[in-house]
């Protein structure tokens, strides 16, 4: 019965770490850039788009397609960074169980 109690304590501790990781991720923001910094956007840890900054030089007539491509590229950059942060938080929270089938995702 001691082994079962130890397993239950480990599960509770991991559950607590996962909850803390989710809270930390919800507060996180990552920035993605493209065009040498001409387009910047911020994604919240939940994946919500929080802000877009576009260099005024791109606001010329005929630049709409370029701007659209740069926004998509900046979003891809931010998403890649966010995914890496989520993966690292999950690894820290779940330890050796990270990535196993049945383990919850943070978001």
PDB file of N, CA and C in Angstrom:
ATOM      1  N   UNK A   1       0.816  -1.189   0.000  1.00  0.00           N
ATOM      2  CA  UNK A   1       0.000   0.000   0.000  1.00  0.00           C
ATOM      3  C   UNK A   1       0.864   1.259   0.000  1.00  0.00           C
ATOM      4  N   UNK A   2       2.072   1.192   0.516  1.00  0.00           N
ATOM      5  CA  UNK A   2       2.966   2.344   0.504  1.00  0.00           C
ATOM      6  C   UNK A   2       3.267   2.785  -0.918  1.00  0.00           C
ATOM      7  N   UNK A   3       3.445   1.824  -1.826  1.00  0.00           N
ATOM      8  CA  UNK A   3       3.743   2.160  -3.208  1.00  0.00           C
ATOM      9  C   UNK A   3       2.590   2.926  -3.854  1.00  0.00           C
ATOM     10  N   UNK A   4       1.386   2.525  -3.574  1.00  0.00           N
ATOM     11  CA  UNK A   4       0.218   3.210  -4.123  1.00  0.00           C
ATOM     12  C   UNK A   4       0.135   4.642  -3.588  1.00  0.00           C
ATOM     13  N   UNK A   5       0.407   4.818  -2.316  1.00  0.00           N
ATOM     14  CA  UNK A   5       0.412   6.165  -1.738  1.00  0.00           C
ATOM     15  C   UNK A   5       1.488   7.040  -2.371  1.00  0.00           C
ATOM     16  N   UNK A   6       2.642   6.456  -2.607  1.00  0.00           N
ATOM     17  CA  UNK A   6       3.736   7.201  -3.231  1.00  0.00           C
ATOM     18  C   UNK A   6       3.356   7.602  -4.652  1.00  0.00           C
ATOM     19  N   UNK A   7       2.720   6.705  -5.383  1.00  0.00           N
ATOM     20  CA  UNK A   7       2.294   7.000  -6.749  1.00  0.00           C
ATOM     21  C   UNK A   7       1.248   8.114  -6.750  1.00  0.00           C
ATOM     22  N   UNK A   8       0.322   8.054  -5.811  1.00  0.00           N
ATOM     23  CA  UNK A   8      -0.714   9.083  -5.714  1.00  0.00           C
ATOM     24  C   UNK A   8      -0.101  10.454  -5.403  1.00  0.00           C
ATOM     25  N   UNK A   9       0.892  10.493  -4.529  1.00  0.00           N
ATOM     26  CA  UNK A   9       1.562  11.749  -4.199  1.00  0.00           C
ATOM     27  C   UNK A   9       2.290  12.296  -5.420  1.00  0.00           C
ATOM     28  N   UNK A  10       2.937  11.407  -6.193  1.00  0.00           N
ATOM     29  CA  UNK A  10       3.632  11.840  -7.400  1.00  0.00           C
ATOM     30  C   UNK A  10       2.635  12.402  -8.414  1.00  0.00           C
ATOM     31  N   UNK A  11       1.500  11.738  -8.561  1.00  0.00           N
ATOM     32  CA  UNK A  11       0.478  12.197  -9.502  1.00  0.00           C
ATOM     33  C   UNK A  11      -0.058  13.563  -9.090  1.00  0.00           C
ATOM     34  N   UNK A  12      -0.281  13.760  -7.800  1.00  0.00           N
ATOM     35  CA  UNK A  12      -0.775  15.050  -7.315  1.00  0.00           C
ATOM     36  C   UNK A  12       0.260  16.147  -7.540  1.00  0.00           C
ATOM     37  N   UNK A  13       1.525  15.812  -7.300  1.00  0.00           N
ATOM     38  CA  UNK A  13       2.593  16.793  -7.503  1.00  0.00           C
ATOM     39  C   UNK A  13       2.684  17.175  -8.981  1.00  0.00           C
ATOM     40  N   UNK A  14       2.570  16.188  -9.865  1.00  0.00           N
ATOM     41  CA  UNK A  14       2.636  16.465 -11.293  1.00  0.00           C
ATOM     42  C   UNK A  14       1.426  17.301 -11.721  1.00  0.00           C
ATOM     43  N   UNK A  15       0.273  17.017 -11.177  1.00  0.00           N
ATOM     44  CA  UNK A  15      -0.935  17.782 -11.483  1.00  0.00           C
ATOM     45  C   UNK A  15      -0.748  19.253 -11.081  1.00  0.00           C
ATOM     46  N   UNK A  16      -0.150  19.462  -9.933  1.00  0.00           N
ATOM     47  CA  UNK A  16       0.124  20.816  -9.463  1.00  0.00           C
ATOM     48  C   UNK A  16       1.099  21.526 -10.398  1.00  0.00           C
ATOM     49  N   UNK A  17       2.147  20.804 -10.823  1.00  0.00           N
ATOM     50  CA  UNK A  17       3.124  21.396 -11.738  1.00  0.00           C
ATOM     51  C   UNK A  17       2.478  21.746 -13.076  1.00  0.00           C
ATOM     52  N   UNK A  18       1.581  20.899 -13.554  1.00  0.00           N
ATOM     53  CA  UNK A  18       0.888  21.175 -14.813  1.00  0.00           C
ATOM     54  C   UNK A  18       0.011  22.424 -14.681  1.00  0.00           C
ATOM     55  N   UNK A  19      -0.680  22.561 -13.563  1.00  0.00           N
ATOM     56  CA  UNK A  19      -1.519  23.736 -13.336  1.00  0.00           C
ATOM     57  C   UNK A  19      -0.664  25.004 -13.287  1.00  0.00           C
ATOM     58  N   UNK A  20       0.488  24.914 -12.636  1.00  0.00           N
ATOM     59  CA  UNK A  20       1.398  26.058 -12.576  1.00  0.00           C
ATOM     60  C   UNK A  20       1.929  26.406 -13.958  1.00  0.00           C
ATOM     61  N   UNK A  21       2.243  25.383 -14.758  1.00  0.00           N
ATOM     62  CA  UNK A  21       2.740  25.605 -16.114  1.00  0.00           C
ATOM     63  C   UNK A  21       1.661  26.272 -16.967  1.00  0.00           C
ATOM     64  N   UNK A  22       0.414  25.849 -16.832  1.00  0.00           N
ATOM     65  CA  UNK A  22      -0.683  26.466 -17.581  1.00  0.00           C
ATOM     66  C   UNK A  22      -0.842  27.938 -17.199  1.00  0.00           C
ATOM     67  N   UNK A  23      -0.744  28.230 -15.928  1.00  0.00           N
ATOM     68  CA  UNK A  23      -0.865  29.614 -15.476  1.00  0.00           C
ATOM     69  C   UNK A  23       0.294  30.461 -16.016  1.00  0.00           C
ATOM     70  N   UNK A  24       1.481  29.903 -15.980  1.00  0.00           N
ATOM     71  CA  UNK A  24       2.653  30.619 -16.485  1.00  0.00           C
ATOM     72  C   UNK A  24       2.522  30.863 -17.985  1.00  0.00           C
ATOM     73  N   UNK A  25       2.058  29.865 -18.701  1.00  0.00           N
ATOM     74  CA  UNK A  25       1.897  30.000 -20.135  1.00  0.00           C
ATOM     75  C   UNK A  25       0.830  31.028 -20.481  1.00  0.00           C
ATOM     76  N   UNK A  26      -0.243  31.080 -19.721  1.00  0.00           N
ATOM     77  CA  UNK A  26      -1.312  32.051 -19.976  1.00  0.00           C
ATOM     78  C   UNK A  26      -0.803  33.484 -19.851  1.00  0.00           C
ATOM     79  N   UNK A  27       0.192  33.702 -19.021  1.00  0.00           N
ATOM     80  CA  UNK A  27       0.764  35.035 -18.823  1.00  0.00           C
ATOM     81  C   UNK A  27       1.848  35.368 -19.846  1.00  0.00           C
ATOM     82  N   UNK A  28       2.334  34.364 -20.547  1.00  0.00           N
ATOM     83  CA  UNK A  28       3.451  34.526 -21.463  1.00  0.00           C
ATOM     84  C   UNK A  28       3.039  35.258 -22.739  1.00  0.00           C
ATOM     85  N   UNK A  29       3.974  35.998 -23.306  1.00  0.00           N
ATOM     86  CA  UNK A  29       3.808  36.610 -24.615  1.00  0.00           C
ATOM     87  C   UNK A  29       5.086  36.370 -25.400  1.00  0.00           C
ATOM     88  N   UNK A  30       4.941  36.047 -26.688  1.00  0.00           N
ATOM     89  CA  UNK A  30       6.104  35.887 -27.559  1.00  0.00           C
ATOM     90  C   UNK A  30       5.935  36.808 -28.755  1.00  0.00           C
ATOM     91  N   UNK A  31       7.067  37.309 -29.253  1.00  0.00           N
ATOM     92  CA  UNK A  31       7.039  38.216 -30.393  1.00  0.00           C
ATOM     93  C   UNK A  31       7.595  37.501 -31.614  1.00  0.00           C
ATOM     94  N   UNK A  32       6.916  37.666 -32.722  1.00  0.00           N
ATOM     95  CA  UNK A  32       7.393  37.172 -34.003  1.00  0.00           C
ATOM     96  C   UNK A  32       7.680  38.350 -34.899  1.00  0.00           C
ATOM     97  N   UNK A  33       8.705  38.224 -35.719  1.00  0.00           N
ATOM     98  CA  UNK A  33       9.069  39.320 -36.615  1.00  0.00           C
ATOM     99  C   UNK A  33       9.303  38.788 -38.022  1.00  0.00           C
ATOM    100  N   UNK A  34       9.212  39.688 -38.982  1.00  0.00           N
ATOM    101  CA  UNK A  34       9.570  39.364 -40.356  1.00  0.00           C
ATOM    102  C   UNK A  34       9.981  40.646 -41.058  1.00  0.00           C
ATOM    103  N   UNK A  35      10.553  40.487 -42.244  1.00  0.00           N
ATOM    104  CA  UNK A  35      10.974  41.660 -43.007  1.00  0.00           C
ATOM    105  C   UNK A  35      12.019  42.479 -42.300  1.00  0.00           C
ATOM    106  N   UNK A  36      12.903  41.797 -41.577  1.00  0.00           N
ATOM    107  CA  UNK A  36      13.945  42.527 -40.858  1.00  0.00           C
ATOM    108  C   UNK A  36      13.396  43.413 -39.757  1.00  0.00           C
ATOM    109  N   UNK A  37      12.254  43.007 -39.186  1.00  0.00           N
ATOM    110  CA  UNK A  37      11.653  43.770 -38.101  1.00  0.00           C
ATOM    111  C   UNK A  37      10.613  44.769 -38.572  1.00  0.00           C
ATOM    112  N   UNK A  38      10.317  44.764 -39.865  1.00  0.00           N
ATOM    113  CA  UNK A  38       9.322  45.709 -40.379  1.00  0.00           C
ATOM    114  C   UNK A  38       7.908  45.320 -39.948  1.00  0.00           C
ATOM    115  N   UNK A  39       7.698  44.053 -39.684  1.00  0.00           N
ATOM    116  CA  UNK A  39       6.421  43.580 -39.147  1.00  0.00           C
ATOM    117  C   UNK A  39       6.717  42.808 -37.872  1.00  0.00           C
ATOM    118  N   UNK A  40       6.028  43.165 -36.809  1.00  0.00           N
ATOM    119  CA  UNK A  40       6.163  42.490 -35.520  1.00  0.00           C
ATOM    120  C   UNK A  40       4.760  42.175 -35.020  1.00  0.00           C
ATOM    121  N   UNK A  41       4.616  41.008 -34.418  1.00  0.00           N
ATOM    122  CA  UNK A  41       3.355  40.712 -33.772  1.00  0.00           C
ATOM    123  C   UNK A  41       3.608  39.945 -32.493  1.00  0.00           C
ATOM    124  N   UNK A  42       2.642  40.021 -31.603  1.00  0.00           N
ATOM    125  CA  UNK A  42       2.753  39.387 -30.294  1.00  0.00           C
ATOM    126  C   UNK A  42       1.620  38.391 -30.149  1.00  0.00           C
ATOM    127  N   UNK A  43       2.000  37.156 -29.790  1.00  0.00           N
ATOM    128  CA  UNK A  43       1.030  36.114 -29.463  1.00  0.00           C
ATOM    129  C   UNK A  43       1.055  35.899 -27.962  1.00  0.00           C
ATOM    130  N   UNK A  44      -0.127  35.777 -27.376  1.00  0.00           N
ATOM    131  CA  UNK A  44      -0.212  35.392 -25.969  1.00  0.00           C
ATOM    132  C   UNK A  44       0.043  33.891 -25.870  1.00  0.00           C
ATOM    133  N   UNK A  45       0.297  33.430 -24.673  1.00  0.00           N
ATOM    134  CA  UNK A  45       0.579  32.011 -24.453  1.00  0.00           C
ATOM    135  C   UNK A  45      -0.552  31.101 -24.870  1.00  0.00           C
ATOM    136  N   UNK A  46      -1.755  31.616 -24.930  1.00  0.00           N
ATOM    137  CA  UNK A  46      -2.916  30.832 -25.347  1.00  0.00           C
ATOM    138  C   UNK A  46      -3.038  30.771 -26.858  1.00  0.00           C
ATOM    139  N   UNK A  47      -2.183  31.518 -27.569  1.00  0.00           N
ATOM    140  CA  UNK A  47      -2.221  31.560 -29.021  1.00  0.00           C
ATOM    141  C   UNK A  47      -2.982  32.752 -29.560  1.00  0.00           C
ATOM    142  N   UNK A  48      -3.577  33.541 -28.685  1.00  0.00           N
ATOM    143  CA  UNK A  48      -4.338  34.715 -29.098  1.00  0.00           C
ATOM    144  C   UNK A  48      -3.400  35.801 -29.614  1.00  0.00           C
ATOM    145  N   UNK A  49      -3.756  36.389 -30.751  1.00  0.00           N
ATOM    146  CA  UNK A  49      -2.991  37.488 -31.320  1.00  0.00           C
ATOM    147  C   UNK A  49      -3.256  38.737 -30.494  1.00  0.00           C
ATOM    148  N   UNK A  50      -2.207  39.301 -29.903  1.00  0.00           N
ATOM    149  CA  UNK A  50      -2.370  40.432 -28.993  1.00  0.00           C
ATOM    150  C   UNK A  50      -2.050  41.773 -29.643  1.00  0.00           C
ATOM    151  N   UNK A  51      -1.104  41.785 -30.589  1.00  0.00           N
ATOM    152  CA  UNK A  51      -0.681  43.074 -31.147  1.00  0.00           C
ATOM    153  C   UNK A  51       0.007  42.849 -32.496  1.00  0.00           C
ATOM    154  N   UNK A  52      -0.161  43.804 -33.396  1.00  0.00           N
ATOM    155  CA  UNK A  52       0.527  43.803 -34.688  1.00  0.00           C
ATOM    156  C   UNK A  52       1.105  45.193 -34.899  1.00  0.00           C
ATOM    157  N   UNK A  53       2.386  45.260 -35.198  1.00  0.00           N
ATOM    158  CA  UNK A  53       3.048  46.527 -35.520  1.00  0.00           C
ATOM    159  C   UNK A  53       3.618  46.418 -36.931  1.00  0.00           C
ATOM    160  N   UNK A  54       3.251  47.380 -37.787  1.00  0.00           N
ATOM    161  CA  UNK A  54       3.714  47.385 -39.170  1.00  0.00           C
ATOM    162  C   UNK A  54       4.448  48.691 -39.423  1.00  0.00           C
ATOM    163  N   UNK A  55       5.675  48.595 -39.936  1.00  0.00           N
ATOM    164  CA  UNK A  55       6.467  49.776 -40.255  1.00  0.00           C
ATOM    165  C   UNK A  55       5.714  50.642 -41.264  1.00  0.00           C
ATOM    166  N   UNK A  56       5.698  51.928 -41.028  1.00  0.00           N
ATOM    167  CA  UNK A  56       4.950  52.848 -41.882  1.00  0.00           C
ATOM    168  C   UNK A  56       5.421  52.828 -43.333  1.00  0.00           C
ATOM    169  N   UNK A  57       6.666  52.475 -43.565  1.00  0.00           N
ATOM    170  CA  UNK A  57       7.171  52.457 -44.942  1.00  0.00           C
ATOM    171  C   UNK A  57       6.456  51.415 -45.796  1.00  0.00           C
ATOM    172  N   UNK A  58       5.824  50.448 -45.147  1.00  0.00           N
ATOM    173  CA  UNK A  58       5.084  49.421 -45.883  1.00  0.00           C
ATOM    174  C   UNK A  58       3.670  49.866 -46.248  1.00  0.00           C
ATOM    175  N   UNK A  59       3.262  51.030 -45.781  1.00  0.00           N
ATOM    176  CA  UNK A  59       1.899  51.493 -46.008  1.00  0.00           C
ATOM    177  C   UNK A  59       1.751  52.275 -47.309  1.00  0.00           C
ATOM    178  N   UNK A  60       2.558  51.980 -48.285  1.00  0.00           N
ATOM    179  CA  UNK A  60       2.482  52.644 -49.583  1.00  0.00           C
ATOM    180  C   UNK A  60       1.517  51.880 -50.494  1.00  0.00           C
ATOM    181  N   UNK A  61       0.893  52.569 -51.414  1.00  0.00           N
ATOM    182  CA  UNK A  61       0.001  51.888 -52.357  1.00  0.00           C
ATOM    183  C   UNK A  61       0.738  50.764 -53.093  1.00  0.00           C
ATOM    184  N   UNK A  62       0.068  49.650 -53.263  1.00  0.00           N
ATOM    185  CA  UNK A  62       0.662  48.516 -53.963  1.00  0.00           C
ATOM    186  C   UNK A  62       1.459  47.579 -53.067  1.00  0.00           C
ATOM    187  N   UNK A  63       1.535  47.872 -51.794  1.00  0.00           N
ATOM    188  CA  UNK A  63       2.323  47.054 -50.869  1.00  0.00           C
ATOM    189  C   UNK A  63       1.463  46.061 -50.079  1.00  0.00           C
ATOM    190  N   UNK A  64       0.188  46.002 -50.340  1.00  0.00           N
ATOM    191  CA  UNK A  64      -0.719  45.158 -49.552  1.00  0.00           C
ATOM    192  C   UNK A  64      -0.295  43.702 -49.555  1.00  0.00           C
ATOM    193  N   UNK A  65       0.090  43.175 -50.711  1.00  0.00           N
ATOM    194  CA  UNK A  65       0.487  41.766 -50.785  1.00  0.00           C
ATOM    195  C   UNK A  65       1.752  41.505 -49.970  1.00  0.00           C
ATOM    196  N   UNK A  66       2.689  42.435 -50.041  1.00  0.00           N
ATOM    197  CA  UNK A  66       3.927  42.310 -49.266  1.00  0.00           C
ATOM    198  C   UNK A  66       3.606  42.329 -47.769  1.00  0.00           C
ATOM    199  N   UNK A  67       2.755  43.256 -47.357  1.00  0.00           N
ATOM    200  CA  UNK A  67       2.371  43.366 -45.949  1.00  0.00           C
ATOM    201  C   UNK A  67       1.700  42.069 -45.488  1.00  0.00           C
ATOM    202  N   UNK A  68       0.778  41.566 -46.289  1.00  0.00           N
ATOM    203  CA  UNK A  68       0.084  40.327 -45.933  1.00  0.00           C
ATOM    204  C   UNK A  68       1.073  39.178 -45.762  1.00  0.00           C
ATOM    205  N   UNK A  69       2.021  39.047 -46.684  1.00  0.00           N
ATOM    206  CA  UNK A  69       3.026  37.978 -46.590  1.00  0.00           C
ATOM    207  C   UNK A  69       3.888  38.140 -45.344  1.00  0.00           C
ATOM    208  N   UNK A  70       4.253  39.374 -45.025  1.00  0.00           N
ATOM    209  CA  UNK A  70       5.086  39.621 -43.847  1.00  0.00           C
ATOM    210  C   UNK A  70       4.327  39.337 -42.553  1.00  0.00           C
ATOM    211  N   UNK A  71       3.030  39.627 -42.516  1.00  0.00           N
ATOM    212  CA  UNK A  71       2.226  39.321 -41.328  1.00  0.00           C
ATOM    213  C   UNK A  71       2.149  37.808 -41.134  1.00  0.00           C
ATOM    214  N   UNK A  72       1.925  37.083 -42.212  1.00  0.00           N
ATOM    215  CA  UNK A  72       1.874  35.618 -42.125  1.00  0.00           C
ATOM    216  C   UNK A  72       3.224  35.077 -41.641  1.00  0.00           C
ATOM    217  N   UNK A  73       4.319  35.609 -42.172  1.00  0.00           N
ATOM    218  CA  UNK A  73       5.649  35.141 -41.765  1.00  0.00           C
ATOM    219  C   UNK A  73       5.932  35.474 -40.296  1.00  0.00           C
ATOM    220  N   UNK A  74       5.524  36.653 -39.857  1.00  0.00           N
ATOM    221  CA  UNK A  74       5.735  37.032 -38.452  1.00  0.00           C
ATOM    222  C   UNK A  74       4.911  36.138 -37.535  1.00  0.00           C
ATOM    223  N   UNK A  75       3.702  35.809 -37.962  1.00  0.00           N
ATOM    224  CA  UNK A  75       2.863  34.908 -37.159  1.00  0.00           C
ATOM    225  C   UNK A  75       3.517  33.532 -37.065  1.00  0.00           C
ATOM    226  N   UNK A  76       4.042  33.027 -38.175  1.00  0.00           N
ATOM    227  CA  UNK A  76       4.711  31.725 -38.162  1.00  0.00           C
ATOM    228  C   UNK A  76       5.913  31.741 -37.220  1.00  0.00           C
ATOM    229  N   UNK A  77       6.649  32.842 -37.212  1.00  0.00           N
ATOM    230  CA  UNK A  77       7.803  32.987 -36.324  1.00  0.00           C
ATOM    231  C   UNK A  77       7.363  32.950 -34.862  1.00  0.00           C
ATOM    232  N   UNK A  78       6.322  33.711 -34.538  1.00  0.00           N
ATOM    233  CA  UNK A  78       5.824  33.742 -33.154  1.00  0.00           C
ATOM    234  C   UNK A  78       5.264  32.380 -32.754  1.00  0.00           C
ATOM    235  N   UNK A  79       4.548  31.722 -33.639  1.00  0.00           N
ATOM    236  CA  UNK A  79       3.954  30.412 -33.331  1.00  0.00           C
ATOM    237  C   UNK A  79       5.039  29.383 -33.065  1.00  0.00           C
ATOM    238  N   UNK A  80       6.093  29.419 -33.839  1.00  0.00           N
ATOM    239  CA  UNK A  80       7.224  28.501 -33.635  1.00  0.00           C
ATOM    240  C   UNK A  80       7.836  28.718 -32.245  1.00  0.00           C
ATOM    241  N   UNK A  81       7.995  29.980 -31.865  1.00  0.00           N
ATOM    242  CA  UNK A  81       8.556  30.304 -30.545  1.00  0.00           C
ATOM    243  C   UNK A  81       7.607  29.869 -29.427  1.00  0.00           C
ATOM    244  N   UNK A  82       6.317  30.105 -29.624  1.00  0.00           N
ATOM    245  CA  UNK A  82       5.325  29.717 -28.625  1.00  0.00           C
ATOM    246  C   UNK A  82       5.289  28.205 -28.448  1.00  0.00           C
ATOM    247  N   UNK A  83       5.321  27.471 -29.551  1.00  0.00           N
ATOM    248  CA  UNK A  83       5.329  26.004 -29.469  1.00  0.00           C
ATOM    249  C   UNK A  83       6.542  25.494 -28.698  1.00  0.00           C
ATOM    250  N   UNK A  84       7.696  26.123 -28.928  1.00  0.00           N
ATOM    251  CA  UNK A  84       8.916  25.720 -28.215  1.00  0.00           C
ATOM    252  C   UNK A  84       8.781  26.000 -26.719  1.00  0.00           C
ATOM    253  N   UNK A  85       8.212  27.149 -26.367  1.00  0.00           N
ATOM    254  CA  UNK A  85       8.009  27.488 -24.954  1.00  0.00           C
ATOM    255  C   UNK A  85       7.028  26.508 -24.302  1.00  0.00           C
ATOM    256  N   UNK A  86       5.944  26.187 -25.016  1.00  0.00           N
ATOM    257  CA  UNK A  86       4.962  25.247 -24.483  1.00  0.00           C
ATOM    258  C   UNK A  86       5.597  23.881 -24.251  1.00  0.00           C
ATOM    259  N   UNK A  87       6.391  23.444 -25.216  1.00  0.00           N
ATOM    260  CA  UNK A  87       7.044  22.146 -25.095  1.00  0.00           C
ATOM    261  C   UNK A  87       8.004  22.126 -23.899  1.00  0.00           C
ATOM    262  N   UNK A  88       8.742  23.194 -23.711  1.00  0.00           N
ATOM    263  CA  UNK A  88       9.679  23.265 -22.587  1.00  0.00           C
ATOM    264  C   UNK A  88       8.935  23.273 -21.252  1.00  0.00           C
ATOM    265  N   UNK A  89       7.856  24.041 -21.168  1.00  0.00           N
ATOM    266  CA  UNK A  89       7.070  24.066 -19.934  1.00  0.00           C
ATOM    267  C   UNK A  89       6.490  22.695 -19.625  1.00  0.00           C
ATOM    268  N   UNK A  90       6.010  22.002 -20.648  1.00  0.00           N
ATOM    269  CA  UNK A  90       5.440  20.674 -20.450  1.00  0.00           C
ATOM    270  C   UNK A  90       6.519  19.698 -19.973  1.00  0.00           C
ATOM    271  N   UNK A  91       7.698  19.818 -20.558  1.00  0.00           N
ATOM    272  CA  UNK A  91       8.802  18.943 -20.154  1.00  0.00           C
ATOM    273  C   UNK A  91       9.159  19.180 -18.693  1.00  0.00           C
ATOM    274  N   UNK A  92       9.185  20.439 -18.283  1.00  0.00           N
ATOM    275  CA  UNK A  92       9.500  20.758 -16.894  1.00  0.00           C
ATOM    276  C   UNK A  92       8.410  20.276 -15.951  1.00  0.00           C
ATOM    277  N   UNK A  93       7.155  20.415 -16.366  1.00  0.00           N
ATOM    278  CA  UNK A  93       6.032  20.056 -15.501  1.00  0.00           C
ATOM    279  C   UNK A  93       5.837  18.551 -15.401  1.00  0.00           C
ATOM    280  N   UNK A  94       5.963  17.854 -16.520  1.00  0.00           N
ATOM    281  CA  UNK A  94       5.649  16.418 -16.539  1.00  0.00           C
ATOM    282  C   UNK A  94       6.880  15.540 -16.362  1.00  0.00           C
ATOM    283  N   UNK A  95       8.049  16.120 -16.443  1.00  0.00           N
ATOM    284  CA  UNK A  95       9.265  15.342 -16.258  1.00  0.00           C
ATOM    285  C   UNK A  95       9.350  14.193 -17.237  1.00  0.00           C
ATOM    286  N   UNK A  96       9.627  12.993 -16.745  1.00  0.00           N
ATOM    287  CA  UNK A  96       9.820  11.849 -17.642  1.00  0.00           C
ATOM    288  C   UNK A  96       8.537  11.424 -18.357  1.00  0.00           C
ATOM    289  N   UNK A  97       7.397  11.945 -17.935  1.00  0.00           N
ATOM    290  CA  UNK A  97       6.127  11.568 -18.557  1.00  0.00           C
ATOM    291  C   UNK A  97       5.759  12.465 -19.731  1.00  0.00           C
ATOM    292  N   UNK A  98       6.509  13.544 -19.961  1.00  0.00           N
ATOM    293  CA  UNK A  98       6.204  14.489 -21.035  1.00  0.00           C
ATOM    294  C   UNK A  98       6.176  13.773 -22.374  1.00  0.00           C
ATOM    295  N   UNK A  99       5.158  14.076 -23.144  1.00  0.00           N
ATOM    296  CA  UNK A  99       5.058  13.515 -24.482  1.00  0.00           C
ATOM    297  C   UNK A  99       4.426  12.140 -24.567  1.00  0.00           C
ATOM    298  N   UNK A 100       4.155  11.546 -23.414  1.00  0.00           N
ATOM    299  CA  UNK A 100       3.550  10.210 -23.418  1.00  0.00           C
ATOM    300  C   UNK A 100       2.073  10.323 -23.792  1.00  0.00           C
ATOM    301  N   UNK A 101       1.541   9.311 -24.442  1.00  0.00           N
ATOM    302  CA  UNK A 101       0.119   9.323 -24.752  1.00  0.00           C
ATOM    303  C   UNK A 101      -0.712   9.472 -23.472  1.00  0.00           C
ATOM    304  N   UNK A 102      -1.739  10.281 -23.563  1.00  0.00           N
ATOM    305  CA  UNK A 102      -2.614  10.497 -22.404  1.00  0.00           C
ATOM    306  C   UNK A 102      -2.199  11.659 -21.540  1.00  0.00           C
ATOM    307  N   UNK A 103      -0.997  12.193 -21.759  1.00  0.00           N
ATOM    308  CA  UNK A 103      -0.574  13.358 -20.969  1.00  0.00           C
ATOM    309  C   UNK A 103      -1.293  14.573 -21.508  1.00  0.00           C
ATOM    310  N   UNK A 104      -1.782  15.435 -20.628  1.00  0.00           N
ATOM    311  CA  UNK A 104      -2.522  16.615 -21.100  1.00  0.00           C
ATOM    312  C   UNK A 104      -1.588  17.627 -21.761  1.00  0.00           C
ATOM    313  N   UNK A 105      -2.159  18.353 -22.711  1.00  0.00           N
ATOM    314  CA  UNK A 105      -1.422  19.462 -23.322  1.00  0.00           C
ATOM    315  C   UNK A 105      -1.762  20.699 -22.515  1.00  0.00           C
ATOM    316  N   UNK A 106      -0.864  21.669 -22.555  1.00  0.00           N
ATOM    317  CA  UNK A 106      -1.081  22.875 -21.764  1.00  0.00           C
ATOM    318  C   UNK A 106      -2.209  23.709 -22.333  1.00  0.00           C
ATOM    319  N   UNK A 107      -2.289  23.823 -23.642  1.00  0.00           N
ATOM    320  CA  UNK A 107      -3.365  24.570 -24.313  1.00  0.00           C
ATOM    321  C   UNK A 107      -3.610  23.924 -25.622  1.00  0.00           C
TER     322      UNK A 107
END
